[in-house]
PDB file of all heavy atoms in Angstrom:
ATOM      1  N   LYS A   1    -315.467  10.727-247.664  1.00  0.00           N
ATOM      2  CA  LYS A   1    -316.169   9.751-248.496  1.00  0.00           C
ATOM      3  C   LYS A   1    -316.486  10.289-249.893  1.00  0.00           C
ATOM      4  O   LYS A   1    -316.829   9.524-250.785  1.00  0.00           O
ATOM      5  CB  LYS A   1    -317.480   9.333-247.821  1.00  0.00           C
ATOM      6  CG  LYS A   1    -317.286   8.636-246.486  1.00  0.00           C
ATOM      7  CD  LYS A   1    -318.632   8.281-245.879  1.00  0.00           C
ATOM      8  CE  LYS A   1    -318.471   7.631-244.519  1.00  0.00           C
ATOM      9  NZ  LYS A   1    -319.781   7.300-243.904  1.00  0.00           N
ATOM     10  N   LEU A   2    -316.374  11.600-250.065  1.00  0.00           N
ATOM     11  CA  LEU A   2    -316.738  12.205-251.337  1.00  0.00           C
ATOM     12  C   LEU A   2    -315.545  12.278-252.273  1.00  0.00           C
ATOM     13  O   LEU A   2    -314.412  12.512-251.835  1.00  0.00           O
ATOM     14  CB  LEU A   2    -317.309  13.613-251.109  1.00  0.00           C
ATOM     15  CG  LEU A   2    -318.605  13.697-250.307  1.00  0.00           C
ATOM     16  CD1 LEU A   2    -318.990  15.148-250.081  1.00  0.00           C
ATOM     17  CD2 LEU A   2    -319.731  12.954-251.000  1.00  0.00           C
ATOM     18  N   SER A   3    -315.798  12.101-253.554  1.00  0.00           N
ATOM     19  CA  SER A   3    -314.770  12.282-254.566  1.00  0.00           C
ATOM     20  C   SER A   3    -314.805  13.741-255.024  1.00  0.00           C
ATOM     21  O   SER A   3    -315.395  14.596-254.355  1.00  0.00           O
ATOM     22  CB  SER A   3    -315.018  11.338-255.741  1.00  0.00           C
ATOM     23  OG  SER A   3    -316.249  11.653-256.376  1.00  0.00           O
ATOM     24  N   ASP A   4    -314.208  14.026-256.161  1.00  0.00           N
ATOM     25  CA  ASP A   4    -314.194  15.406-256.631  1.00  0.00           C
ATOM     26  C   ASP A   4    -315.528  15.822-257.251  1.00  0.00           C
ATOM     27  O   ASP A   4    -315.753  16.995-257.514  1.00  0.00           O
ATOM     28  CB  ASP A   4    -313.060  15.623-257.633  1.00  0.00           C
ATOM     29  CG  ASP A   4    -313.183  14.735-258.861  1.00  0.00           C
ATOM     30  OD1 ASP A   4    -313.908  13.732-258.801  1.00  0.00           O
ATOM     31  OD2 ASP A   4    -312.536  15.055-259.885  1.00  0.00           O
ATOM     32  N   GLN A   5    -316.433  14.855-257.515  1.00  0.00           N
ATOM     33  CA  GLN A   5    -317.723  15.167-258.111  1.00  0.00           C
ATOM     34  C   GLN A   5    -318.864  14.608-257.255  1.00  0.00           C
ATOM     35  O   GLN A   5    -318.707  13.590-256.587  1.00  0.00           O
ATOM     36  CB  GLN A   5    -317.826  14.574-259.517  1.00  0.00           C
ATOM     37  CG  GLN A   5    -316.832  15.134-260.513  1.00  0.00           C
ATOM     38  CD  GLN A   5    -317.068  14.551-261.895  1.00  0.00           C
ATOM     39  OE1 GLN A   5    -318.094  14.831-262.530  1.00  0.00           O
ATOM     40  NE2 GLN A   5    -316.140  13.738-262.351  1.00  0.00           N
ATOM     41  N   LEU A   6    -320.000  15.311-257.311  1.00  0.00           N
ATOM     42  CA  LEU A   6    -321.187  14.865-256.591  1.00  0.00           C
ATOM     43  C   LEU A   6    -322.409  15.173-257.453  1.00  0.00           C
ATOM     44  O   LEU A   6    -322.510  16.252-258.047  1.00  0.00           O
ATOM     45  CB  LEU A   6    -321.315  15.583-255.248  1.00  0.00           C
ATOM     46  CG  LEU A   6    -322.548  15.254-254.390  1.00  0.00           C
ATOM     47  CD1 LEU A   6    -322.503  13.805-253.912  1.00  0.00           C
ATOM     48  CD2 LEU A   6    -322.651  16.213-253.199  1.00  0.00           C
ATOM     49  N   LEU A   7    -323.319  14.215-257.518  1.00  0.00           N
ATOM     50  CA  LEU A   7    -324.599  14.405-258.195  1.00  0.00           C
ATOM     51  C   LEU A   7    -325.680  14.566-257.132  1.00  0.00           C
ATOM     52  O   LEU A   7    -325.782  13.741-256.228  1.00  0.00           O
ATOM     53  CB  LEU A   7    -324.912  13.197-259.089  1.00  0.00           C
ATOM     54  CG  LEU A   7    -326.285  13.192-259.778  1.00  0.00           C
ATOM     55  CD1 LEU A   7    -326.368  14.307-260.809  1.00  0.00           C
ATOM     56  CD2 LEU A   7    -326.551  11.838-260.414  1.00  0.00           C
ATOM     57  N   VAL A   8    -326.445  15.641-257.231  1.00  0.00           N
ATOM     58  CA  VAL A   8    -327.546  15.862-256.287  1.00  0.00           C
ATOM     59  C   VAL A   8    -328.857  15.782-257.053  1.00  0.00           C
ATOM     60  O   VAL A   8    -329.092  16.555-257.984  1.00  0.00           O
ATOM     61  CB  VAL A   8    -327.431  17.235-255.592  1.00  0.00           C
ATOM     62  CG1 VAL A   8    -328.547  17.383-254.545  1.00  0.00           C
ATOM     63  CG2 VAL A   8    -326.068  17.403-254.937  1.00  0.00           C
ATOM     64  N   ASP A   9    -329.692  14.829-256.690  1.00  0.00           N
ATOM     65  CA  ASP A   9    -330.978  14.645-257.365  1.00  0.00           C
ATOM     66  C   ASP A   9    -332.033  15.522-256.691  1.00  0.00           C
ATOM     67  O   ASP A   9    -332.416  15.297-255.547  1.00  0.00           O
ATOM     68  CB  ASP A   9    -331.404  13.182-257.312  1.00  0.00           C
ATOM     69  CG  ASP A   9    -332.545  12.879-258.277  1.00  0.00           C
ATOM     70  OD1 ASP A   9    -333.345  13.796-258.540  1.00  0.00           O
ATOM     71  OD2 ASP A   9    -332.617  11.740-258.775  1.00  0.00           O
ATOM     72  N   LEU A  10    -332.486  16.526-257.434  1.00  0.00           N
ATOM     73  CA  LEU A  10    -333.472  17.474-256.908  1.00  0.00           C
ATOM     74  C   LEU A  10    -334.763  17.445-257.715  1.00  0.00           C
ATOM     75  O   LEU A  10    -335.584  18.354-257.615  1.00  0.00           O
ATOM     76  CB  LEU A  10    -332.881  18.896-256.935  1.00  0.00           C
ATOM     77  CG  LEU A  10    -331.666  19.143-256.044  1.00  0.00           C
ATOM     78  CD1 LEU A  10    -330.978  20.435-256.421  1.00  0.00           C
ATOM     79  CD2 LEU A  10    -332.063  19.166-254.572  1.00  0.00           C
ATOM     80  N   ARG A  11    -334.954  16.399-258.502  1.00  0.00           N
ATOM     81  CA  ARG A  11    -336.105  16.365-259.403  1.00  0.00           C
ATOM     82  C   ARG A  11    -337.432  16.375-258.654  1.00  0.00           C
ATOM     83  O   ARG A  11    -338.449  16.807-259.199  1.00  0.00           O
ATOM     84  CB  ARG A  11    -336.019  15.123-260.305  1.00  0.00           C
ATOM     85  CG  ARG A  11    -334.946  15.226-261.381  1.00  0.00           C
ATOM     86  CD  ARG A  11    -334.817  13.936-262.158  1.00  0.00           C
ATOM     87  NE  ARG A  11    -334.295  12.861-261.331  1.00  0.00           N
ATOM     88  CZ  ARG A  11    -334.070  11.620-261.795  1.00  0.00           C
ATOM     89  NH1 ARG A  11    -334.342  11.340-263.063  1.00  0.00           N
ATOM     90  NH2 ARG A  11    -333.579  10.695-260.987  1.00  0.00           N
ATOM     91  N   HIS A  12    -337.435  15.899-257.433  1.00  0.00           N
ATOM     92  CA  HIS A  12    -338.673  15.820-256.658  1.00  0.00           C
ATOM     93  C   HIS A  12    -338.889  17.035-255.763  1.00  0.00           C
ATOM     94  O   HIS A  12    -339.848  17.074-254.985  1.00  0.00           O
ATOM     95  CB  HIS A  12    -338.670  14.561-255.794  1.00  0.00           C
ATOM     96  CG  HIS A  12    -337.464  14.473-254.897  1.00  0.00           C
ATOM     97  ND1 HIS A  12    -336.183  14.417-255.376  1.00  0.00           N
ATOM     98  CD2 HIS A  12    -337.358  14.436-253.541  1.00  0.00           C
ATOM     99  CE1 HIS A  12    -335.329  14.345-254.359  1.00  0.00           C
ATOM    100  NE2 HIS A  12    -336.031  14.367-253.241  1.00  0.00           N
ATOM    101  N   LEU A  13    -337.990  18.023-255.869  1.00  0.00           N
ATOM    102  CA  LEU A  13    -338.055  19.180-254.984  1.00  0.00           C
ATOM    103  C   LEU A  13    -338.101  20.475-255.798  1.00  0.00           C
ATOM    104  O   LEU A  13    -337.746  20.498-256.982  1.00  0.00           O
ATOM    105  CB  LEU A  13    -336.847  19.186-254.039  1.00  0.00           C
ATOM    106  CG  LEU A  13    -336.755  17.972-253.107  1.00  0.00           C
ATOM    107  CD1 LEU A  13    -335.423  17.936-252.397  1.00  0.00           C
ATOM    108  CD2 LEU A  13    -337.908  17.998-252.099  1.00  0.00           C
ATOM    109  N   ASP A  14    -338.470  21.580-255.146  1.00  0.00           N
ATOM    110  CA  ASP A  14    -338.626  22.842-255.870  1.00  0.00           C
ATOM    111  C   ASP A  14    -337.342  23.669-255.850  1.00  0.00           C
ATOM    112  O   ASP A  14    -336.329  23.276-255.262  1.00  0.00           O
ATOM    113  CB  ASP A  14    -339.794  23.661-255.303  1.00  0.00           C
ATOM    114  CG  ASP A  14    -339.573  24.071-253.848  1.00  0.00           C
ATOM    115  OD1 ASP A  14    -338.436  23.947-253.351  1.00  0.00           O
ATOM    116  OD2 ASP A  14    -340.540  24.517-253.208  1.00  0.00           O
ATOM    117  N   GLY A  15    -337.413  24.841-256.502  1.00  0.00           N
ATOM    118  CA  GLY A  15    -336.235  25.689-256.625  1.00  0.00           C
ATOM    119  C   GLY A  15    -335.714  26.217-255.309  1.00  0.00           C
ATOM    120  O   GLY A  15    -334.512  26.481-255.164  1.00  0.00           O
ATOM    121  N   SER A  16    -336.599  26.369-254.322  1.00  0.00           N
ATOM    122  CA  SER A  16    -336.145  26.857-253.016  1.00  0.00           C
ATOM    123  C   SER A  16    -335.154  25.887-252.382  1.00  0.00           C
ATOM    124  O   SER A  16    -334.189  26.300-251.733  1.00  0.00           O
ATOM    125  CB  SER A  16    -337.342  27.064-252.091  1.00  0.00           C
ATOM    126  OG  SER A  16    -338.199  28.061-252.591  1.00  0.00           O
ATOM    127  N   THR A  17    -335.391  24.598-252.571  1.00  0.00           N
ATOM    128  CA  THR A  17    -334.461  23.614-252.024  1.00  0.00           C
ATOM    129  C   THR A  17    -333.158  23.609-252.809  1.00  0.00           C
ATOM    130  O   THR A  17    -332.086  23.391-252.238  1.00  0.00           O
ATOM    131  CB  THR A  17    -335.086  22.213-252.028  1.00  0.00           C
ATOM    132  OG1 THR A  17    -336.297  22.247-251.272  1.00  0.00           O
ATOM    133  CG2 THR A  17    -334.145  21.189-251.401  1.00  0.00           C
ATOM    134  N   LEU A  18    -333.219  23.870-254.108  1.00  0.00           N
ATOM    135  CA  LEU A  18    -331.984  24.012-254.881  1.00  0.00           C
ATOM    136  C   LEU A  18    -331.137  25.142-254.293  1.00  0.00           C
ATOM    137  O   LEU A  18    -329.919  25.001-254.127  1.00  0.00           O
ATOM    138  CB  LEU A  18    -332.309  24.294-256.347  1.00  0.00           C
ATOM    139  CG  LEU A  18    -331.110  24.392-257.304  1.00  0.00           C
ATOM    140  CD1 LEU A  18    -331.466  23.836-258.677  1.00  0.00           C
ATOM    141  CD2 LEU A  18    -330.624  25.841-257.457  1.00  0.00           C
ATOM    142  N   TYR A  19    -331.771  26.265-253.977  1.00  0.00           N
ATOM    143  CA  TYR A  19    -331.067  27.388-253.344  1.00  0.00           C
ATOM    144  C   TYR A  19    -330.425  26.944-252.032  1.00  0.00           C
ATOM    145  O   TYR A  19    -329.245  27.233-251.760  1.00  0.00           O
ATOM    146  CB  TYR A  19    -332.046  28.531-253.099  1.00  0.00           C
ATOM    147  CG  TYR A  19    -331.482  29.666-252.268  1.00  0.00           C
ATOM    148  CD1 TYR A  19    -330.839  30.737-252.860  1.00  0.00           C
ATOM    149  CD2 TYR A  19    -331.593  29.648-250.873  1.00  0.00           C
ATOM    150  CE1 TYR A  19    -330.317  31.768-252.093  1.00  0.00           C
ATOM    151  CE2 TYR A  19    -331.078  30.668-250.100  1.00  0.00           C
ATOM    152  CZ  TYR A  19    -330.445  31.736-250.719  1.00  0.00           C
ATOM    153  OH  TYR A  19    -329.919  32.744-249.946  1.00  0.00           O
ATOM    154  N   GLN A  20    -331.195  26.243-251.195  1.00  0.00           N
ATOM    155  CA  GLN A  20    -330.684  25.782-249.905  1.00  0.00           C
ATOM    156  C   GLN A  20    -329.510  24.823-250.088  1.00  0.00           C
ATOM    157  O   GLN A  20    -328.535  24.857-249.342  1.00  0.00           O
ATOM    158  CB  GLN A  20    -331.807  25.098-249.123  1.00  0.00           C
ATOM    159  CG  GLN A  20    -332.997  25.977-248.803  1.00  0.00           C
ATOM    160  CD  GLN A  20    -332.699  27.019-247.748  1.00  0.00           C
ATOM    161  OE1 GLN A  20    -331.860  26.811-246.875  1.00  0.00           O
ATOM    162  NE2 GLN A  20    -333.362  28.153-247.828  1.00  0.00           N
ATOM    163  N   CYS A  21    -329.608  23.957-251.095  1.00  0.00           N
ATOM    164  CA  CYS A  21    -328.553  22.986-251.376  1.00  0.00           C
ATOM    165  C   CYS A  21    -327.252  23.676-251.766  1.00  0.00           C
ATOM    166  O   CYS A  21    -326.184  23.378-251.229  1.00  0.00           O
ATOM    167  CB  CYS A  21    -329.019  22.038-252.481  1.00  0.00           C
ATOM    168  SG  CYS A  21    -327.740  20.945-253.122  1.00  0.00           S
ATOM    169  N   VAL A  22    -327.334  24.596-252.718  1.00  0.00           N
ATOM    170  CA  VAL A  22    -326.139  25.309-253.189  1.00  0.00           C
ATOM    171  C   VAL A  22    -325.542  26.141-252.061  1.00  0.00           C
ATOM    172  O   VAL A  22    -324.318  26.163-251.864  1.00  0.00           O
ATOM    173  CB  VAL A  22    -326.486  26.186-254.403  1.00  0.00           C
ATOM    174  CG1 VAL A  22    -325.292  27.049-254.812  1.00  0.00           C
ATOM    175  CG2 VAL A  22    -326.937  25.317-255.575  1.00  0.00           C
ATOM    176  N   LEU A  23    -326.393  26.823-251.295  1.00  0.00           N
ATOM    177  CA  LEU A  23    -325.912  27.639-250.180  1.00  0.00           C
ATOM    178  C   LEU A  23    -325.189  26.770-249.161  1.00  0.00           C
ATOM    179  O   LEU A  23    -324.063  27.076-248.742  1.00  0.00           O
ATOM    180  CB  LEU A  23    -327.090  28.368-249.531  1.00  0.00           C
ATOM    181  CG  LEU A  23    -326.761  29.269-248.338  1.00  0.00           C
ATOM    182  CD1 LEU A  23    -325.847  30.412-248.760  1.00  0.00           C
ATOM    183  CD2 LEU A  23    -328.044  29.820-247.710  1.00  0.00           C
ATOM    184  N   GLY A  24    -325.813  25.666-248.759  1.00  0.00           N
ATOM    185  CA  GLY A  24    -325.220  24.823-247.722  1.00  0.00           C
ATOM    186  C   GLY A  24    -323.942  24.146-248.153  1.00  0.00           C
ATOM    187  O   GLY A  24    -322.934  24.165-247.420  1.00  0.00           O
ATOM    188  N   LEU A  25    -323.940  23.529-249.333  1.00  0.00           N
ATOM    189  CA  LEU A  25    -322.726  22.859-249.806  1.00  0.00           C
ATOM    190  C   LEU A  25    -321.587  23.852-249.992  1.00  0.00           C
ATOM    191  O   LEU A  25    -320.415  23.523-249.766  1.00  0.00           O
ATOM    192  CB  LEU A  25    -323.002  22.121-251.117  1.00  0.00           C
ATOM    193  CG  LEU A  25    -323.936  20.907-251.032  1.00  0.00           C
ATOM    194  CD1 LEU A  25    -324.139  20.300-252.425  1.00  0.00           C
ATOM    195  CD2 LEU A  25    -323.375  19.843-250.076  1.00  0.00           C
ATOM    196  N   SER A  26    -321.915  25.073-250.404  1.00  0.00           N
ATOM    197  CA  SER A  26    -320.884  26.099-250.597  1.00  0.00           C
ATOM    198  C   SER A  26    -320.327  26.607-249.276  1.00  0.00           C
ATOM    199  O   SER A  26    -319.120  26.837-249.139  1.00  0.00           O
ATOM    200  CB  SER A  26    -321.451  27.269-251.403  1.00  0.00           C
ATOM    201  OG  SER A  26    -321.866  26.866-252.679  1.00  0.00           O
ATOM    202  N   LEU A  27    -321.201  26.795-248.288  1.00  0.00           N
ATOM    203  CA  LEU A  27    -320.749  27.303-246.987  1.00  0.00           C
ATOM    204  C   LEU A  27    -319.908  26.285-246.229  1.00  0.00           C
ATOM    205  O   LEU A  27    -319.081  26.650-245.388  1.00  0.00           O
ATOM    206  CB  LEU A  27    -321.949  27.695-246.128  1.00  0.00           C
ATOM    207  CG  LEU A  27    -322.743  28.929-246.544  1.00  0.00           C
ATOM    208  CD1 LEU A  27    -323.957  29.106-245.638  1.00  0.00           C
ATOM    209  CD2 LEU A  27    -321.871  30.178-246.508  1.00  0.00           C
ATOM    210  N   ALA A  28    -320.090  25.007-246.543  1.00  0.00           N
ATOM    211  CA  ALA A  28    -319.498  23.942-245.725  1.00  0.00           C
ATOM    212  C   ALA A  28    -317.982  23.933-245.730  1.00  0.00           C
ATOM    213  O   ALA A  28    -317.369  23.352-244.827  1.00  0.00           O
ATOM    214  CB  ALA A  28    -320.021  22.587-246.187  1.00  0.00           C
ATOM    215  N   ASP A  29    -317.349  24.569-246.717  1.00  0.00           N
ATOM    216  CA  ASP A  29    -315.887  24.536-246.737  1.00  0.00           C
ATOM    217  C   ASP A  29    -315.257  25.682-245.932  1.00  0.00           C
ATOM    218  O   ASP A  29    -314.046  25.819-245.880  1.00  0.00           O
ATOM    219  CB  ASP A  29    -315.351  24.518-248.167  1.00  0.00           C
ATOM    220  CG  ASP A  29    -315.633  25.799-248.937  1.00  0.00           C
ATOM    221  OD1 ASP A  29    -316.129  26.770-248.343  1.00  0.00           O
ATOM    222  OD2 ASP A  29    -315.354  25.827-250.157  1.00  0.00           O
ATOM    223  N   TYR A  30    -316.108  26.510-245.270  1.00  0.00           N
ATOM    224  CA  TYR A  30    -315.543  27.564-244.432  1.00  0.00           C
ATOM    225  C   TYR A  30    -314.862  26.956-243.218  1.00  0.00           C
ATOM    226  O   TYR A  30    -315.357  25.995-242.620  1.00  0.00           O
ATOM    227  CB  TYR A  30    -316.625  28.536-243.969  1.00  0.00           C
ATOM    228  CG  TYR A  30    -316.074  29.550-242.994  1.00  0.00           C
ATOM    229  CD1 TYR A  30    -315.229  30.570-243.431  1.00  0.00           C
ATOM    230  CD2 TYR A  30    -316.345  29.461-241.634  1.00  0.00           C
ATOM    231  CE1 TYR A  30    -314.684  31.478-242.537  1.00  0.00           C
ATOM    232  CE2 TYR A  30    -315.819  30.368-240.732  1.00  0.00           C
ATOM    233  CZ  TYR A  30    -314.987  31.371-241.188  1.00  0.00           C
ATOM    234  OH  TYR A  30    -314.431  32.259-240.297  1.00  0.00           O
ATOM    235  N   THR A  31    -313.739  27.524-242.853  1.00  0.00           N
ATOM    236  CA  THR A  31    -313.042  27.079-241.648  1.00  0.00           C
ATOM    237  C   THR A  31    -312.566  28.283-240.851  1.00  0.00           C
ATOM    238  O   THR A  31    -312.113  29.284-241.432  1.00  0.00           O
ATOM    239  CB  THR A  31    -311.836  26.188-241.994  1.00  0.00           C
ATOM    240  OG1 THR A  31    -311.115  25.885-240.795  1.00  0.00           O
ATOM    241  CG2 THR A  31    -310.899  26.859-242.980  1.00  0.00           C
ATOM    242  N   VAL A  32    -312.686  28.186-239.540  1.00  0.00           N
ATOM    243  CA  VAL A  32    -312.175  29.257-238.685  1.00  0.00           C
ATOM    244  C   VAL A  32    -310.667  29.124-238.488  1.00  0.00           C
ATOM    245  O   VAL A  32    -310.032  30.015-237.941  1.00  0.00           O
ATOM    246  CB  VAL A  32    -312.865  29.256-237.304  1.00  0.00           C
ATOM    247  CG1 VAL A  32    -314.345  29.522-237.438  1.00  0.00           C
ATOM    248  CG2 VAL A  32    -312.614  27.957-236.566  1.00  0.00           C
ATOM    249  N   GLY A  33    -310.093  28.009-238.943  1.00  0.00           N
ATOM    250  CA  GLY A  33    -308.676  27.737-238.676  1.00  0.00           C
ATOM    251  C   GLY A  33    -307.727  28.293-239.697  1.00  0.00           C
ATOM    252  O   GLY A  33    -306.697  27.670-240.015  1.00  0.00           O
ATOM    253  N   SER A  34    -308.011  29.470-240.221  1.00  0.00           N
ATOM    254  CA  SER A  34    -307.159  30.042-241.268  1.00  0.00           C
ATOM    255  C   SER A  34    -305.779  30.461-240.756  1.00  0.00           C
ATOM    256  O   SER A  34    -304.870  30.708-241.546  1.00  0.00           O
ATOM    257  CB  SER A  34    -307.854  31.247-241.913  1.00  0.00           C
ATOM    258  OG  SER A  34    -308.165  32.224-240.939  1.00  0.00           O
ATOM    259  N   TYR A  35    -305.628  30.529-239.440  1.00  0.00           N
ATOM    260  CA  TYR A  35    -304.328  30.916-238.878  1.00  0.00           C
ATOM    261  C   TYR A  35    -303.516  29.696-238.430  1.00  0.00           C
ATOM    262  O   TYR A  35    -302.422  29.841-237.902  1.00  0.00           O
ATOM    263  CB  TYR A  35    -304.520  31.878-237.700  1.00  0.00           C
ATOM    264  CG  TYR A  35    -305.047  33.230-238.131  1.00  0.00           C
ATOM    265  CD1 TYR A  35    -306.409  33.443-238.299  1.00  0.00           C
ATOM    266  CD2 TYR A  35    -304.186  34.299-238.384  1.00  0.00           C
ATOM    267  CE1 TYR A  35    -306.904  34.664-238.705  1.00  0.00           C
ATOM    268  CE2 TYR A  35    -304.666  35.534-238.783  1.00  0.00           C
ATOM    269  CZ  TYR A  35    -306.025  35.707-238.944  1.00  0.00           C
ATOM    270  OH  TYR A  35    -306.515  36.926-239.352  1.00  0.00           O
ATOM    271  N   LYS A  36    -304.058  28.493-238.618  1.00  0.00           N
ATOM    272  CA  LYS A  36    -303.328  27.289-238.241  1.00  0.00           C
ATOM    273  C   LYS A  36    -302.231  27.004-239.263  1.00  0.00           C
ATOM    274  O   LYS A  36    -302.408  27.195-240.466  1.00  0.00           O
ATOM    275  CB  LYS A  36    -304.280  26.097-238.154  1.00  0.00           C
ATOM    276  CG  LYS A  36    -305.243  26.176-236.978  1.00  0.00           C
ATOM    277  CD  LYS A  36    -306.061  24.896-236.859  1.00  0.00           C
ATOM    278  CE  LYS A  36    -306.960  24.934-235.628  1.00  0.00           C
ATOM    279  NZ  LYS A  36    -307.722  23.679-235.454  1.00  0.00           N
ATOM    280  N   THR A  37    -301.105  26.525-238.770  1.00  0.00           N
ATOM    281  CA  THR A  37    -299.986  26.210-239.672  1.00  0.00           C
ATOM    282  C   THR A  37    -299.974  24.749-240.081  1.00  0.00           C
ATOM    283  O   THR A  37    -299.298  24.366-241.028  1.00  0.00           O
ATOM    284  CB  THR A  37    -298.639  26.553-238.995  1.00  0.00           C
ATOM    285  OG1 THR A  37    -298.541  25.823-237.756  1.00  0.00           O
ATOM    286  CG2 THR A  37    -298.548  28.046-238.715  1.00  0.00           C
ATOM    287  N   ASP A  38    -300.723  23.909-239.375  1.00  0.00           N
ATOM    288  CA  ASP A  38    -300.739  22.475-239.681  1.00  0.00           C
ATOM    289  C   ASP A  38    -302.191  22.021-239.777  1.00  0.00           C
ATOM    290  O   ASP A  38    -302.889  21.897-238.783  1.00  0.00           O
ATOM    291  CB  ASP A  38    -300.013  21.683-238.583  1.00  0.00           C
ATOM    292  CG  ASP A  38    -299.964  20.190-238.911  1.00  0.00           C
ATOM    293  OD1 ASP A  38    -300.172  19.831-240.091  1.00  0.00           O
ATOM    294  OD2 ASP A  38    -299.724  19.388-237.993  1.00  0.00           O
ATOM    295  N   THR A  39    -302.655  21.806-241.004  1.00  0.00           N
ATOM    296  CA  THR A  39    -304.032  21.363-241.197  1.00  0.00           C
ATOM    297  C   THR A  39    -304.045  20.053-241.972  1.00  0.00           C
ATOM    298  O   THR A  39    -303.264  19.850-242.891  1.00  0.00           O
ATOM    299  CB  THR A  39    -304.840  22.413-241.985  1.00  0.00           C
ATOM    300  OG1 THR A  39    -304.219  22.638-243.258  1.00  0.00           O
ATOM    301  CG2 THR A  39    -304.903  23.725-241.227  1.00  0.00           C
ATOM    302  N   ASN A  40    -304.955  19.190-241.578  1.00  0.00           N
ATOM    303  CA  ASN A  40    -305.092  17.890-242.239  1.00  0.00           C
ATOM    304  C   ASN A  40    -306.468  17.753-242.894  1.00  0.00           C
ATOM    305  O   ASN A  40    -306.970  16.652-243.077  1.00  0.00           O
ATOM    306  CB  ASN A  40    -304.903  16.755-241.216  1.00  0.00           C
ATOM    307  CG  ASN A  40    -303.496  16.749-240.654  1.00  0.00           C
ATOM    308  OD1 ASN A  40    -302.529  16.820-241.402  1.00  0.00           O
ATOM    309  ND2 ASN A  40    -303.384  16.694-239.325  1.00  0.00           N
ATOM    310  N   ALA A  41    -307.061  18.884-243.239  1.00  0.00           N
ATOM    311  CA  ALA A  41    -308.401  18.850-243.825  1.00  0.00           C
ATOM    312  C   ALA A  41    -308.373  18.130-245.167  1.00  0.00           C
ATOM    313  O   ALA A  41    -307.470  18.320-245.979  1.00  0.00           O
ATOM    314  CB  ALA A  41    -308.914  20.272-243.996  1.00  0.00           C
TER     315      ALA A  41
END
């Protein structure tokens, strides 16, 4: 559902949540399937 860009509104939250947001969104592209030859991700 996501395009190449995303806007995250953090104006109502503190810097700790910004850290959590960046950490989580960044970790989400990890995959254990690096040895698969056919991926449809």
